[in-house]
Amino acid sequence: MRGCLFLIMLPFLLPIVIVAVFILRIFLKGKAEGWKGTVVDKKHTTQYDNEKRRDEHLYSLKVKMTDGKERNIAVMSDFWASCNAGDVIEKPKGAIFPKKVT
């Protein structure tokens, strides 16, 4: 009986497990990555969320990395407000969010 129940639930549980593993891998990869760079530009975008019926604010920083590449980094609003062009920020390995160096 338990085997039959397992076989019935397998098609429903397998996609959930696969998505959970995928999200966990992305999270751990980002956490293991470390970088340092200089803020080049700040960007604030507003999108209207039809489901919640409100504006959603998205904050990002364009950062020139120490290796010369430029990346757009999504950040929280308070961190975005505290950064200016020319500031040096870094995300140490093991950290989730970047921090300001200067």
Protein backbone atom coordinates (compact mmCIF):
# COMPACT_ATOMS: atom_id res chain seq x y z
CA MET A 1 0.00 0.00 0.00
CA ARG A 2 2.81 2.44 0.85
CA GLY A 3 4.55 1.63 -2.43
CA CYS A 4 1.39 2.41 -4.35
CA LEU A 5 0.97 5.74 -2.54
CA PHE A 6 4.61 6.61 -3.27
CA LEU A 7 4.14 5.90 -6.99
CA ILE A 8 1.02 8.06 -7.07
CA MET A 9 2.79 10.99 -5.33
CA LEU A 10 6.06 10.71 -7.29
CA PRO A 11 4.94 12.73 -10.36
CA PHE A 12 3.84 15.56 -8.05
CA LEU A 13 6.83 15.55 -5.70
CA LEU A 14 9.60 15.13 -8.26
CA PRO A 15 9.18 18.56 -9.93
CA ILE A 16 9.08 20.25 -6.53
CA VAL A 17 12.29 18.52 -5.45
CA ILE A 18 14.01 19.39 -8.75
CA VAL A 19 13.08 23.09 -8.48
CA ALA A 20 14.17 23.20 -4.82
CA VAL A 21 17.57 21.70 -5.68
CA PHE A 22 18.00 24.16 -8.57
CA ILE A 23 17.21 27.17 -6.34
CA LEU A 24 19.54 25.88 -3.62
CA ARG A 25 22.40 25.48 -6.13
CA ILE A 26 21.92 29.07 -7.40
CA PHE A 27 21.86 30.42 -3.83
CA LEU A 28 24.99 28.51 -2.78
CA LYS A 29 26.85 29.52 -5.95
CA GLY A 30 26.13 33.21 -5.27
CA LYS A 31 27.15 32.84 -1.65
CA ALA A 32 30.44 31.15 -2.58
CA GLU A 33 31.31 33.90 -5.05
CA GLY A 34 33.42 36.83 -3.89
CA TRP A 35 34.15 40.02 -5.78
CA LYS A 36 35.28 43.63 -5.39
CA GLY A 37 34.68 46.65 -7.59
CA THR A 38 33.96 50.35 -8.01
CA VAL A 39 30.44 51.77 -8.42
CA VAL A 40 30.11 53.35 -11.87
CA ASP A 41 26.38 54.14 -11.93
CA LYS A 42 23.17 53.73 -9.92
CA LYS A 43 19.81 52.72 -11.35
CA HIS A 44 16.32 52.82 -9.85
CA THR A 45 13.45 51.27 -11.79
CA THR A 46 9.77 51.27 -10.88
CA GLN A 47 7.40 48.58 -12.13
CA TYR A 48 3.70 48.31 -11.47
CA ASP A 49 2.68 44.94 -9.99
CA ASN A 50 -0.84 44.15 -11.25
CA GLU A 51 -1.43 41.36 -8.72
CA LYS A 52 -0.53 43.47 -5.68
CA ARG A 53 -1.77 46.70 -7.32
CA ARG A 54 1.24 48.72 -6.27
CA ASP A 55 4.57 49.98 -7.56
CA GLU A 56 7.60 47.77 -7.09
CA HIS A 57 10.98 49.50 -6.78
CA LEU A 58 14.12 47.80 -8.11
CA TYR A 59 17.59 49.10 -7.22
CA SER A 60 20.83 48.17 -8.94
CA LEU A 61 24.42 49.34 -9.09
CA LYS A 62 26.65 49.14 -12.14
CA VAL A 63 30.01 47.99 -10.77
CA LYS A 64 33.36 47.81 -12.54
CA MET A 65 35.09 44.75 -11.13
CA THR A 66 38.80 44.57 -10.37
CA ASP A 67 39.23 42.37 -13.47
CA GLY A 68 37.81 45.16 -15.69
CA LYS A 69 34.38 43.64 -16.36
CA GLU A 70 31.18 45.55 -15.55
CA ARG A 71 28.24 43.92 -13.75
CA ASN A 72 24.81 45.08 -12.64
CA ILE A 73 24.27 44.14 -9.00
CA ALA A 74 20.75 44.13 -7.50
CA VAL A 75 20.81 45.67 -4.01
CA MET A 76 18.45 46.73 -1.24
CA SER A 77 17.16 50.32 -1.21
CA ASP A 78 19.09 51.45 1.88
CA PHE A 79 22.40 50.15 0.50
CA TRP A 80 21.63 51.76 -2.88
CA ALA A 81 20.99 55.11 -1.17
CA SER A 82 24.28 54.94 0.73
CA CYS A 83 26.39 54.29 -2.39
CA ASN A 84 27.65 56.86 -4.88
CA ALA A 85 29.69 56.67 -8.06
CA GLY A 86 33.34 56.03 -7.15
CA ASP A 87 32.60 54.06 -3.98
CA VAL A 88 34.34 50.71 -3.63
CA ILE A 89 32.10 47.79 -2.65
CA GLU A 90 32.81 44.12 -2.14
CA LYS A 91 30.98 40.89 -1.51
CA PRO A 92 33.21 38.53 0.46
CA LYS A 93 32.91 34.81 -0.11
CA GLY A 94 30.26 33.40 2.19
CA ALA A 95 28.30 36.67 2.42
CA ILE A 96 24.90 37.13 0.83
CA PHE A 97 24.98 40.90 0.32
CA PRO A 98 27.76 43.31 -0.71
CA LYS A 99 29.20 45.87 1.68
CA LYS A 100 30.79 49.29 1.22
CA VAL A 101 34.58 49.45 1.58
CA THR A 102 35.10 53.24 1.24
